[in-house]
C-alpha atoms as a PDB file:
ATOM      1  CA  MET A   1     139.122  45.717 100.364  1.00  0.00           C
ATOM      2  CA  HIS A   2     141.103  48.618  98.946  1.00  0.00           C
ATOM      3  CA  HIS A   3     139.122  48.209  95.741  1.00  0.00           C
ATOM      4  CA  ARG A   4     135.812  48.675  97.619  1.00  0.00           C
ATOM      5  CA  ILE A   5     137.040  51.862  99.292  1.00  0.00           C
ATOM      6  CA  VAL A   6     138.074  53.328  95.946  1.00  0.00           C
ATOM      7  CA  ILE A   7     134.696  52.453  94.411  1.00  0.00           C
ATOM      8  CA  ALA A   8     132.854  53.982  97.388  1.00  0.00           C
ATOM      9  CA  CYS A   9     134.937  57.169  97.117  1.00  0.00           C
ATOM     10  CA  LEU A  10     134.342  57.356  93.369  1.00  0.00           C
ATOM     11  CA  ALA A  11     130.597  56.897  93.941  1.00  0.00           C
ATOM     12  CA  ARG A  12     130.610  59.758  96.446  1.00  0.00           C
ATOM     13  CA  VAL A  13     132.588  61.993  94.109  1.00  0.00           C
ATOM     14  CA  ALA A  14     130.226  61.155  91.235  1.00  0.00           C
ATOM     15  CA  SER A  15     127.216  61.953  93.433  1.00  0.00           C
ATOM     16  CA  LEU A  16     128.806  65.208  94.520  1.00  0.00           C
ATOM     17  CA  LEU A  17     129.636  66.150  90.914  1.00  0.00           C
ATOM     18  CA  PHE A  18     126.060  65.314  89.875  1.00  0.00           C
ATOM     19  CA  LEU A  19     124.679  67.502  92.676  1.00  0.00           C
ATOM     20  CA  ILE A  20     126.999  70.388  91.739  1.00  0.00           C
ATOM     21  CA  THR A  21     125.958  70.075  88.087  1.00  0.00           C
ATOM     22  CA  VAL A  22     122.256  70.135  88.973  1.00  0.00           C
ATOM     23  CA  VAL A  23     122.597  73.082  91.338  1.00  0.00           C
ATOM     24  CA  THR A  24     124.767  75.194  89.043  1.00  0.00           C
ATOM     25  CA  SER A  25     122.742  74.495  85.903  1.00  0.00           C
ATOM     26  CA  ALA A  26     119.445  75.546  87.486  1.00  0.00           C
ATOM     27  CA  PRO A  27     118.715  79.233  87.024  1.00  0.00           C
ATOM     28  CA  ILE A  28     119.259  81.142  90.220  1.00  0.00           C
ATOM     29  CA  ARG A  29     116.302  83.371  90.902  1.00  0.00           C
ATOM     30  CA  ALA A  30     115.890  85.365  94.001  1.00  0.00           C
ATOM     31  CA  ASP A  31     112.334  86.130  94.852  1.00  0.00           C
ATOM     32  CA  PRO A  32     111.773  89.645  93.557  1.00  0.00           C
ATOM     33  CA  GLU A  33     110.950  92.230  96.137  1.00  0.00           C
ATOM     34  CA  PRO A  34     107.242  92.877  96.300  1.00  0.00           C
ATOM     35  CA  ARG A  35     106.460  95.872  94.158  1.00  0.00           C
ATOM     36  CA  GLN A  36     105.482  98.967  96.083  1.00  0.00           C
ATOM     37  CA  PRO A  37     102.047 100.325  95.219  1.00  0.00           C
ATOM     38  CA  ARG A  38     101.988 103.162  92.712  1.00  0.00           C
ATOM     39  CA  LEU A  39      99.602 105.186  94.877  1.00  0.00           C
ATOM     40  CA  ARG A  40     101.300 106.339  98.076  1.00  0.00           C
ATOM     41  CA  LEU A  41      99.433 108.307 100.689  1.00  0.00           C
ATOM     42  CA  THR A  42     101.320 110.756 102.882  1.00  0.00           C
ATOM     43  CA  ASP A  43      98.389 111.483 105.182  1.00  0.00           C
ATOM     44  CA  PRO A  44      96.347 108.847 107.047  1.00  0.00           C
ATOM     45  CA  ARG A  45      93.175 110.906 106.456  1.00  0.00           C
ATOM     46  CA  LEU A  46      93.432 109.897 102.796  1.00  0.00           C
ATOM     47  CA  GLU A  47      93.074 106.181 103.544  1.00  0.00           C
ATOM     48  CA  GLN A  48      89.309 106.623 103.950  1.00  0.00           C
ATOM     49  CA  VAL A  49      89.171 108.530 100.643  1.00  0.00           C
ATOM     50  CA  VAL A  50      90.849 105.686  98.766  1.00  0.00           C
ATOM     51  CA  ARG A  51      88.962 102.928 100.609  1.00  0.00           C
ATOM     52  CA  LEU A  52      85.558 104.474  99.867  1.00  0.00           C
ATOM     53  CA  GLY A  53      86.584 105.360  96.313  1.00  0.00           C
ATOM     54  CA  ARG A  54      87.545 101.740  95.644  1.00  0.00           C
ATOM     55  CA  ARG A  55      84.348 100.415  97.175  1.00  0.00           C
ATOM     56  CA  GLN A  56      81.812 102.867  95.771  1.00  0.00           C
ATOM     57  CA  SER A  57      83.154 103.840  92.360  1.00  0.00           C
ATOM     58  CA  PRO A  58      84.058 101.283  89.684  1.00  0.00           C
ATOM     59  CA  SER A  59      85.704 104.082  87.696  1.00  0.00           C
ATOM     60  CA  PHE A  60      87.913 105.051  90.631  1.00  0.00           C
ATOM     61  CA  GLN A  61      88.924 101.409  91.082  1.00  0.00           C
ATOM     62  CA  ALA A  62      89.693 101.124  87.349  1.00  0.00           C
ATOM     63  CA  LEU A  63      91.990 104.167  87.532  1.00  0.00           C
ATOM     64  CA  LEU A  64      93.890 102.600  90.442  1.00  0.00           C
ATOM     65  CA  ASN A  65      94.196  99.306  88.568  1.00  0.00           C
ATOM     66  CA  GLN A  66      95.538 101.060  85.470  1.00  0.00           C
ATOM     67  CA  LEU A  67      98.005 103.072  87.542  1.00  0.00           C
ATOM     68  CA  GLU A  68      99.547  99.891  88.956  1.00  0.00           C
ATOM     69  CA  ALA A  69     100.658  98.861  85.453  1.00  0.00           C
ATOM     70  CA  THR A  70     102.603 102.091  84.833  1.00  0.00           C
ATOM     71  CA  ASP A  71     105.992 103.586  85.655  1.00  0.00           C
ATOM     72  CA  VAL A  72     104.399 106.526  87.500  1.00  0.00           C
ATOM     73  CA  VAL A  73     104.342 106.751  91.290  1.00  0.00           C
ATOM     74  CA  VAL A  74     101.715 109.097  92.715  1.00  0.00           C
ATOM     75  CA  TYR A  75     102.228 110.605  96.163  1.00  0.00           C
ATOM     76  CA  VAL A  76      99.045 112.136  97.586  1.00  0.00           C
ATOM     77  CA  GLU A  77      98.778 114.661 100.377  1.00  0.00           C
ATOM     78  CA  CYS A  78      96.120 116.887 101.898  1.00  0.00           C
ATOM     79  CA  ALA A  79      96.934 120.552 101.496  1.00  0.00           C
ATOM     80  CA  ARG A  80      95.615 124.058 101.732  1.00  0.00           C
ATOM     81  CA  LEU A  81      95.271 125.112  98.104  1.00  0.00           C
ATOM     82  CA  PRO A  82      94.533 128.472  96.452  1.00  0.00           C
ATOM     83  CA  ALA A  83      90.895 129.531  96.202  1.00  0.00           C
ATOM     84  CA  ARG A  84      88.864 127.559  93.664  1.00  0.00           C
ATOM     85  CA  VAL A  85      91.558 124.867  93.375  1.00  0.00           C
ATOM     86  CA  ASP A  86      90.449 121.525  94.791  1.00  0.00           C
ATOM     87  CA  GLY A  87      93.374 119.444  93.560  1.00  0.00           C
ATOM     88  CA  GLN A  88      96.593 119.662  91.618  1.00  0.00           C
ATOM     89  CA  LEU A  89      99.254 117.392  90.212  1.00  0.00           C
ATOM     90  CA  THR A  90     102.883 118.461  90.095  1.00  0.00           C
ATOM     91  CA  PHE A  91     105.635 116.583  88.299  1.00  0.00           C
ATOM     92  CA  GLN A  92     108.422 115.896  90.813  1.00  0.00           C
ATOM     93  CA  SER A  93     111.172 113.843  89.173  1.00  0.00           C
ATOM     94  CA  ALA A  94     112.187 110.926  87.014  1.00  0.00           C
ATOM     95  CA  ALA A  95     114.830 108.419  88.080  1.00  0.00           C
ATOM     96  CA  ALA A  96     115.770 104.842  87.214  1.00  0.00           C
ATOM     97  CA  GLY A  97     112.824 104.361  84.873  1.00  0.00           C
ATOM     98  CA  THR A  98     110.232 105.649  87.336  1.00  0.00           C
ATOM     99  CA  ARG A  99     108.433 108.997  87.226  1.00  0.00           C
ATOM    100  CA  TYR A 100     107.137 110.642  90.381  1.00  0.00           C
ATOM    101  CA  VAL A 101     104.246 113.059  90.729  1.00  0.00           C
ATOM    102  CA  LEU A 102     102.665 114.749  93.719  1.00  0.00           C
ATOM    103  CA  VAL A 103      98.904 115.164  93.992  1.00  0.00           C
ATOM    104  CA  ARG A 104      97.610 117.663  96.495  1.00  0.00           C
ATOM    105  CA  ILE A 105      93.948 117.531  97.520  1.00  0.00           C
ATOM    106  CA  ALA A 106      92.242 120.375  99.375  1.00  0.00           C
ATOM    107  CA  TRP A 107      91.939 119.182 102.954  1.00  0.00           C
ATOM    108  CA  ASP A 108      88.612 120.863 103.696  1.00  0.00           C
ATOM    109  CA  LEU A 109      86.448 119.246 100.986  1.00  0.00           C
ATOM    110  CA  PRO A 110      83.569 116.848 101.670  1.00  0.00           C
ATOM    111  CA  LEU A 111      84.586 113.193 101.375  1.00  0.00           C
ATOM    112  CA  ALA A 112      82.781 112.512  98.076  1.00  0.00           C
ATOM    113  CA  ARG A 113      84.397 115.586  96.519  1.00  0.00           C
ATOM    114  CA  LYS A 114      87.865 114.428  97.653  1.00  0.00           C
ATOM    115  CA  ILE A 115      87.269 111.052  95.986  1.00  0.00           C
ATOM    116  CA  ALA A 116      86.149 112.670  92.715  1.00  0.00           C
ATOM    117  CA  ILE A 117      89.072 115.125  92.755  1.00  0.00           C
ATOM    118  CA  LEU A 118      91.567 112.341  93.456  1.00  0.00           C
ATOM    119  CA  GLY A 119      90.081 110.381  90.531  1.00  0.00           C
ATOM    120  CA  HIS A 120      90.481 113.466  88.320  1.00  0.00           C
ATOM    121  CA  GLU A 121      94.148 113.740  89.339  1.00  0.00           C
ATOM    122  CA  LEU A 122      94.737 110.004  88.866  1.00  0.00           C
ATOM    123  CA  GLN A 123      93.525 110.401  85.290  1.00  0.00           C
ATOM    124  CA  HIS A 124      96.215 113.056  84.849  1.00  0.00           C
ATOM    125  CA  ALA A 125      98.793 110.604  86.232  1.00  0.00           C
ATOM    126  CA  LEU A 126      97.672 108.055  83.624  1.00  0.00           C
ATOM    127  CA  GLU A 127      97.993 110.690  80.879  1.00  0.00           C
ATOM    128  CA  ILE A 128     101.574 111.242  82.011  1.00  0.00           C
ATOM    129  CA  ALA A 129     102.156 107.479  82.076  1.00  0.00           C
ATOM    130  CA  ARG A 130     100.975 107.246  78.462  1.00  0.00           C
ATOM    131  CA  SER A 131     103.400 110.008  77.434  1.00  0.00           C
ATOM    132  CA  PRO A 132     106.928 108.648  77.813  1.00  0.00           C
ATOM    133  CA  ASP A 133     108.348 112.041  76.780  1.00  0.00           C
ATOM    134  CA  VAL A 134     107.089 113.550  80.069  1.00  0.00           C
ATOM    135  CA  VAL A 135     110.165 113.485  82.299  1.00  0.00           C
ATOM    136  CA  SER A 136     110.063 116.949  83.867  1.00  0.00           C
ATOM    137  CA  ALA A 137     107.694 119.804  84.681  1.00  0.00           C
ATOM    138  CA  GLU A 138     108.685 121.422  81.384  1.00  0.00           C
ATOM    139  CA  THR A 139     107.970 118.353  79.260  1.00  0.00           C
ATOM    140  CA  MET A 140     104.680 117.879  81.127  1.00  0.00           C
ATOM    141  CA  ALA A 141     103.680 121.456  80.256  1.00  0.00           C
ATOM    142  CA  ALA A 142     104.600 120.834  76.604  1.00  0.00           C
ATOM    143  CA  ALA A 143     102.555 117.611  76.557  1.00  0.00           C
ATOM    144  CA  TYR A 144      99.476 119.329  77.983  1.00  0.00           C
ATOM    145  CA  GLN A 145      99.808 122.094  75.439  1.00  0.00           C
ATOM    146  CA  ARG A 146      99.554 119.356  72.784  1.00  0.00           C
ATOM    147  CA  PHE A 147      96.693 117.277  74.171  1.00  0.00           C
ATOM    148  CA  GLY A 148      95.161 119.174  77.063  1.00  0.00           C
ATOM    149  CA  ILE A 149      93.559 122.414  78.063  1.00  0.00           C
ATOM    150  CA  THR A 150      95.749 125.325  79.123  1.00  0.00           C
ATOM    151  CA  ARG A 151      94.454 128.094  81.381  1.00  0.00           C
ATOM    152  CA  ASN A 152      96.486 131.195  82.076  1.00  0.00           C
ATOM    153  CA  ARG A 153      95.599 132.216  85.639  1.00  0.00           C
ATOM    154  CA  GLY A 154      97.630 135.437  85.588  1.00  0.00           C
ATOM    155  CA  GLY A 155     100.716 136.234  87.575  1.00  0.00           C
ATOM    156  CA  GLY A 156     102.674 133.698  85.562  1.00  0.00           C
ATOM    157  CA  ARG A 157     100.508 130.807  86.777  1.00  0.00           C
ATOM    158  CA  VAL A 158      99.309 128.391  84.106  1.00  0.00           C
ATOM    159  CA  ASP A 159      97.016 125.460  84.864  1.00  0.00           C
ATOM    160  CA  PHE A 160      96.642 122.380  82.703  1.00  0.00           C
ATOM    161  CA  ASP A 161      93.646 120.111  82.424  1.00  0.00           C
ATOM    162  CA  SER A 162      92.172 117.568  80.029  1.00  0.00           C
ATOM    163  CA  ALA A 163      88.753 116.485  78.889  1.00  0.00           C
ATOM    164  CA  ALA A 164      89.539 112.938  80.062  1.00  0.00           C
ATOM    165  CA  ALA A 165      90.344 114.103  83.604  1.00  0.00           C
ATOM    166  CA  ILE A 166      87.225 116.271  83.744  1.00  0.00           C
ATOM    167  CA  ASP A 167      85.159 113.292  82.554  1.00  0.00           C
ATOM    168  CA  ALA A 168      86.810 110.954  85.087  1.00  0.00           C
ATOM    169  CA  GLY A 169      86.006 113.280  87.981  1.00  0.00           C
ATOM    170  CA  MET A 170      82.401 113.760  86.828  1.00  0.00           C
ATOM    171  CA  THR A 171      81.873 110.012  86.314  1.00  0.00           C
ATOM    172  CA  ILE A 172      83.193 109.222  89.784  1.00  0.00           C
ATOM    173  CA  TRP A 173      81.035 111.986  91.273  1.00  0.00           C
ATOM    174  CA  ARG A 174      77.931 110.481  89.603  1.00  0.00           C
ATOM    175  CA  GLU A 175      78.814 106.956  90.752  1.00  0.00           C
ATOM    176  CA  LEU A 176      79.166 108.188  94.332  1.00  0.00           C
ATOM    177  CA  ALA A 177      75.865 110.099  94.115  1.00  0.00           C
ATOM    178  CA  ASP A 178      74.113 107.001  92.723  1.00  0.00           C
ATOM    179  CA  ARG A 179      75.459 104.951  95.638  1.00  0.00           C
ATOM    180  CA  ASP A 180      74.186 107.517  98.131  1.00  0.00           C
ATOM    181  CA  ASP A 181      70.721 107.367  96.550  1.00  0.00           C
ATOM    182  CA  GLY A 182      70.673 103.582  96.573  1.00  0.00           C
ATOM    183  CA  GLU A 183      71.975 102.985 100.092  1.00  0.00           C
END
């Protein structure tokens, strides 16, 4: 009888050791936190801009898709901007492998214009994403002096643009106009 108890105990110990071996040899993976979207709206009025842009402009949707694969986070807000400025992108910071920019869109523009301007600014965000050396406002200015268009506005204000961003905004504008004609 004592022999049976010992065998039963040994069987339990062997089962327990087998279970411990299986559990500890399997890689432990916590489910990664869902990744936050790269486009972050600070104003609920912008939700309609993005929703319509996604739905009515394939180019706008493509810019958003490309942005999601980058290390750049784009915050967007409505703002009162200087005369003849409909949108602007400002480099904010870089931390822990992520770069942050702020896009400001003139709050008083027609909806289609807001969508086209946001697309223009998203193209700028992608240009920054493709330039790993851009980690500050200064390095962004240097990058745009290399591959963009620089405009001295006087009073120490310099604006940067690019042919790609101008094209992106125009393409989105045309796509929206074509949708209006066809609907």
